[in-house]
Protein backbone atom coordinates (compact mmCIF):
# COMPACT_ATOMS: atom_id res chain seq x y z
CA MET A 1 151.81 67.03 286.18
CA ALA A 2 152.35 63.34 285.39
CA THR A 3 156.11 63.87 285.48
CA VAL A 4 155.89 65.57 288.87
CA LEU A 5 153.77 62.72 290.27
CA LEU A 6 156.29 60.19 288.98
CA HIS A 7 159.09 62.09 290.70
CA VAL A 8 157.06 62.23 293.92
CA THR A 9 156.61 58.44 293.80
CA CYS A 10 160.34 57.91 293.30
CA VAL A 11 161.21 60.27 296.13
CA SER A 12 158.67 58.54 298.41
CA LYS A 13 160.37 55.22 297.74
CA GLY A 14 163.72 56.84 298.51
CA ILE A 15 162.39 58.11 301.84
CA TYR A 16 161.02 54.66 302.70
CA ASN A 17 164.33 52.99 301.83
CA ALA A 18 166.34 55.53 303.82
CA VAL A 19 164.14 55.01 306.89
CA SER A 20 164.52 51.23 306.63
CA ALA A 21 168.31 51.64 306.36
CA MET A 22 168.35 53.85 309.44
CA GLN A 23 166.27 51.35 311.41
CA ALA A 24 168.46 48.43 310.31
CA ASN A 25 171.70 50.15 311.27
CA SER A 26 170.23 51.46 314.51
CA ARG A 27 169.52 47.83 315.41
CA ARG A 28 173.12 46.94 314.51
CA VAL A 29 174.38 49.66 316.85
CA GLU A 30 172.22 48.27 319.70
CA ILE A 31 173.58 44.75 319.22
CA ILE A 32 177.21 45.88 319.03
CA ALA A 33 176.75 48.10 322.10
CA ASP A 34 175.43 45.08 324.01
CA ASN A 35 178.49 43.05 322.94
CA LEU A 36 180.77 45.83 324.18
CA ALA A 37 178.89 46.12 327.48
CA ASN A 38 179.51 42.42 328.12
CA LEU A 39 183.25 42.25 327.41
CA SER A 40 183.89 41.14 331.00
CA THR A 41 180.74 39.03 331.49
CA THR A 42 181.58 35.40 332.24
CA ALA A 43 180.89 33.10 329.26
CA PHE A 44 178.98 35.81 327.38
CA LYS A 45 178.18 34.90 323.77
CA ARG A 46 178.12 37.81 321.36
CA ARG A 47 175.57 38.32 318.64
CA THR A 48 176.49 39.10 315.07
CA SER A 49 174.44 41.36 312.83
CA ALA A 50 174.25 41.88 309.10
CA VAL A 51 172.03 44.14 307.03
CA GLY A 52 170.26 42.32 304.20
CA MET A 53 167.55 42.96 301.62
CA PHE A 54 163.99 41.69 301.76
CA GLU A 55 160.80 42.57 299.91
CA ASN A 56 157.85 44.33 301.49
CA ALA A 57 154.53 45.37 299.99
CA LEU A 58 154.26 49.14 299.55
CA GLY A 59 151.28 50.60 297.75
CA GLY A 60 150.43 47.23 296.24
CA GLN A 61 153.96 46.76 294.92
CA LYS A 62 156.91 44.85 296.31
CA GLN A 63 159.74 47.12 297.38
CA PRO A 64 163.26 46.11 298.47
CA LEU A 65 163.99 47.08 302.07
CA LEU A 66 166.90 46.67 304.45
CA LYS A 67 166.61 44.56 307.57
CA THR A 68 169.08 43.49 310.26
CA HIS A 69 169.64 39.75 310.55
CA THR A 70 171.10 38.58 313.87
CA SER A 71 172.66 35.30 314.95
CA TRP A 72 174.49 33.93 317.97
CA ASP A 73 178.26 33.52 317.89
CA PHE A 74 178.99 30.47 320.03
CA ASP A 75 182.75 30.52 319.49
CA GLN A 76 184.78 29.39 322.48
CA GLY A 77 185.87 31.96 325.05
CA VAL A 78 189.26 31.80 326.76
CA LEU A 79 189.36 29.69 329.94
CA VAL A 80 190.77 31.52 332.97
CA ARG A 81 191.80 29.43 335.97
CA ASN A 82 190.96 30.61 339.48
CA GLY A 83 191.23 27.40 341.52
CA ASP A 84 187.70 27.60 342.94
CA PRO A 85 186.29 24.03 342.99
CA TYR A 86 182.83 25.31 342.07
CA SER A 87 184.02 27.41 339.15
CA LEU A 88 183.28 25.35 336.05
CA ALA A 89 183.98 26.05 332.39
CA ILE A 90 182.91 24.09 329.33
CA TYR A 91 185.53 23.72 326.62
CA GLY A 92 183.67 22.86 323.44
CA ASN A 93 179.94 22.56 322.88
CA GLY A 94 177.44 22.37 325.70
CA PHE A 95 175.44 24.20 328.35
CA PHE A 96 174.86 23.64 332.05
CA ALA A 97 171.19 22.88 332.69
CA VAL A 98 169.62 24.95 335.47
CA GLU A 99 166.34 24.39 337.30
CA GLY A 100 164.36 27.56 336.61
CA LYS A 101 161.03 28.48 338.15
CA ASP A 102 159.19 27.95 334.86
CA GLY A 103 161.26 25.15 333.39
CA GLU A 104 164.82 24.28 332.50
CA LEU A 105 167.25 27.08 331.68
CA TYR A 106 170.74 26.86 330.19
CA THR A 107 173.99 28.71 330.73
CA ARG A 108 177.73 28.52 330.11
CA ASN A 109 178.46 30.81 333.04
CA GLY A 110 179.97 28.37 335.52
CA ASN A 111 180.45 30.79 338.41
CA PHE A 112 178.70 28.46 340.88
CA HIS A 113 178.71 27.93 344.64
CA VAL A 114 177.44 25.27 347.03
CA ASP A 115 174.90 26.08 349.75
CA GLU A 116 174.56 24.59 353.24
CA ALA A 117 172.21 21.92 351.90
CA GLY A 118 174.85 20.75 349.43
CA ALA A 119 173.14 22.12 346.32
CA ILE A 120 175.29 23.64 343.57
CA LYS A 121 173.72 26.93 342.57
CA THR A 122 174.19 29.79 340.13
CA GLU A 123 175.03 33.34 341.19
CA GLU A 124 171.27 33.98 341.13
CA GLY A 125 170.59 31.10 343.52
CA LEU A 126 169.11 28.68 340.98
CA PRO A 127 170.11 25.01 341.44
CA LEU A 128 171.92 23.08 338.73
CA ALA A 129 170.09 20.14 337.19
CA TRP A 130 171.57 16.66 337.52
CA GLU A 131 171.57 13.90 334.93
CA ARG A 132 171.62 11.44 337.78
CA LYS A 133 172.12 11.82 341.52
CA SER A 134 172.91 9.23 344.18
CA GLY A 135 174.12 11.41 347.04
CA ALA A 136 174.44 14.95 348.36
CA ILE A 137 177.53 17.14 348.60
CA ASP A 138 178.81 17.79 352.11
CA PRO A 139 179.76 21.49 352.00
CA HIS A 140 182.10 20.97 354.96
CA GLY A 141 183.53 17.65 353.82
CA GLU A 142 186.43 16.60 351.63
CA PRO A 143 187.15 18.56 348.43
CA VAL A 144 184.76 17.89 345.57
CA VAL A 145 186.17 16.59 342.29
CA ILE A 146 184.21 17.31 339.12
CA GLY A 147 185.24 15.32 336.06
CA THR A 148 185.32 16.44 332.44
CA ASP A 149 181.95 14.74 331.87
CA GLY A 150 180.34 16.49 334.84
CA THR A 151 180.62 13.54 337.23
CA ILE A 152 180.87 14.69 340.86
CA THR A 153 182.94 12.76 343.41
CA GLN A 154 183.55 13.48 347.09
CA SER A 155 185.48 11.31 349.55
CA ARG A 156 185.93 8.73 346.77
CA GLN A 157 182.16 8.40 346.48
CA GLN A 158 180.47 9.22 343.19
CA LEU A 159 177.50 11.47 343.94
CA GLY A 160 176.10 11.80 340.43
CA LYS A 161 176.51 13.71 337.19
CA LEU A 162 175.54 17.23 336.21
CA ARG A 163 173.15 17.65 333.30
CA ILE A 164 175.12 19.16 330.41
CA VAL A 165 173.38 19.40 327.05
CA ASP A 166 173.67 20.76 323.54
CA PHE A 167 170.92 21.52 321.01
CA ASP A 168 170.02 20.50 317.49
CA ASP A 169 169.62 24.18 316.56
CA ARG A 170 171.45 26.57 318.88
CA GLN A 171 170.51 29.60 316.77
CA ARG A 172 166.90 29.24 317.90
CA LEU A 173 167.77 29.57 321.59
CA GLN A 174 166.15 32.55 323.27
CA ILE A 175 167.90 34.75 325.78
CA GLY A 176 166.00 35.58 328.94
CA GLU A 177 166.52 37.42 332.18
CA ARG A 178 170.01 37.43 333.69
CA GLY A 179 171.51 35.94 330.54
CA PHE A 180 170.00 32.46 330.77
CA PHE A 181 169.08 30.68 327.55
CA ARG A 182 165.72 29.02 327.07
CA ALA A 183 164.90 26.42 324.43
CA PRO A 184 161.62 27.20 322.61
CA LYS A 185 159.21 24.48 321.62
CA GLY A 186 160.63 22.29 318.87
CA VAL A 187 164.30 22.74 319.81
CA ARG A 188 165.58 19.39 321.04
CA THR A 189 168.47 18.74 323.41
CA ARG A 190 171.24 16.29 322.62
CA PRO A 191 174.34 15.07 324.47
CA ALA A 192 177.11 17.66 324.66
CA ASP A 193 180.62 16.78 323.54
CA GLY A 194 182.35 19.58 325.44
CA GLU A 195 184.58 18.98 328.46
CA VAL A 196 184.04 20.44 331.93
CA HIS A 197 187.09 22.13 333.46
CA GLN A 198 186.99 22.52 337.23
CA GLY A 199 188.56 25.60 338.80
CA ALA A 200 188.18 27.78 335.72
CA LEU A 201 185.73 30.19 334.10
CA GLU A 202 185.11 30.95 330.45
CA SER A 203 185.64 34.53 329.31
CA SER A 204 183.33 36.50 327.03
CA ASN A 205 183.94 35.88 323.33
CA SER A 206 183.47 39.57 322.50
CA ASN A 207 186.54 41.42 321.25
CA ALA A 208 186.75 45.14 321.93
CA VAL A 209 188.71 46.04 318.80
CA SER A 210 186.49 44.20 316.31
CA GLU A 211 183.32 45.42 318.02
CA VAL A 212 184.45 49.06 317.86
CA VAL A 213 185.31 48.69 314.17
CA GLU A 214 181.82 47.31 313.47
CA LEU A 215 180.26 50.04 315.60
CA VAL A 216 181.94 52.77 313.57
CA GLU A 217 180.79 51.13 310.32
CA ALA A 218 177.20 50.90 311.56
CA GLN A 219 177.19 54.51 312.76
CA ARG A 220 178.53 55.73 309.42
CA ALA A 221 175.88 53.75 307.55
CA PHE A 222 173.21 55.26 309.81
CA GLU A 223 174.51 58.79 309.17
CA LEU A 224 174.61 58.17 305.42
CA ALA A 225 171.01 56.95 305.43
CA SER A 226 170.03 59.96 307.56
CA ASN A 227 171.57 62.33 304.99
CA VAL A 228 169.76 60.54 302.16
CA LEU A 229 166.50 60.85 304.09
CA SER A 230 167.04 64.57 304.58
CA GLN A 231 167.75 65.12 300.88
CA ASN A 232 164.71 63.10 299.80
CA ASP A 233 162.51 64.90 302.30
CA GLN A 234 163.57 68.26 300.86
CA SER A 235 162.87 67.01 297.33
CA TYR A 236 159.47 65.66 298.39
CA ARG A 237 158.46 69.00 299.92
CA ARG A 238 159.60 70.89 296.82
CA LEU A 239 157.73 68.56 294.43
CA THR A 240 154.48 68.52 296.42
CA ARG A 241 154.35 72.31 296.23
CA GLN A 242 154.22 71.96 292.43
CA ILE A 243 151.12 69.76 292.49
């Protein structure tokens, strides 16, 4: 009887480990699928995922389990020129600050436009934040020139400078609705060293080939864990009938 109970305990641990492996790799599949879905999203930043070990209490004992660790990949996307004066891309580090309803938001998607009041806005209609502002854009006036530091000039008159920031810990940024980043409490902004390119947009930094390769690996790992779970479940049922 003692031997059977010992085997039951071992099989129970195997079931628990298999379930954790399935959950971890299911999460990997979700992340990779999101990267693939955003291959053509302007300035999209992919997330990376890795399955690692951690300890969790099970029956009063610490047991090794698998968990998916995710992080942001802020590698530069390719800049694609389109000639639109309100299309802006950042080459290097930095984010455009946006005036959200509940506080400042951040984005690298520079697909902007100017409204009749002269405000530069996102596709969603949110206005960009300015570092300083001394005048308004005339939407029907001379062409606007936006410098690499975000300085805006029209008719040889400097109107101000867009607020472009970086962060002391970008990995702690949280993604919100419509792809805007939000800085949680404790994450401080700092001056960005990237350059603004007018008349261009940044492409997604996801790569279809590498994402598909990772997707296949994650799906195989999930299937393997599923098979292990099935085998352990059969063993558990057989052993419990002997008790």
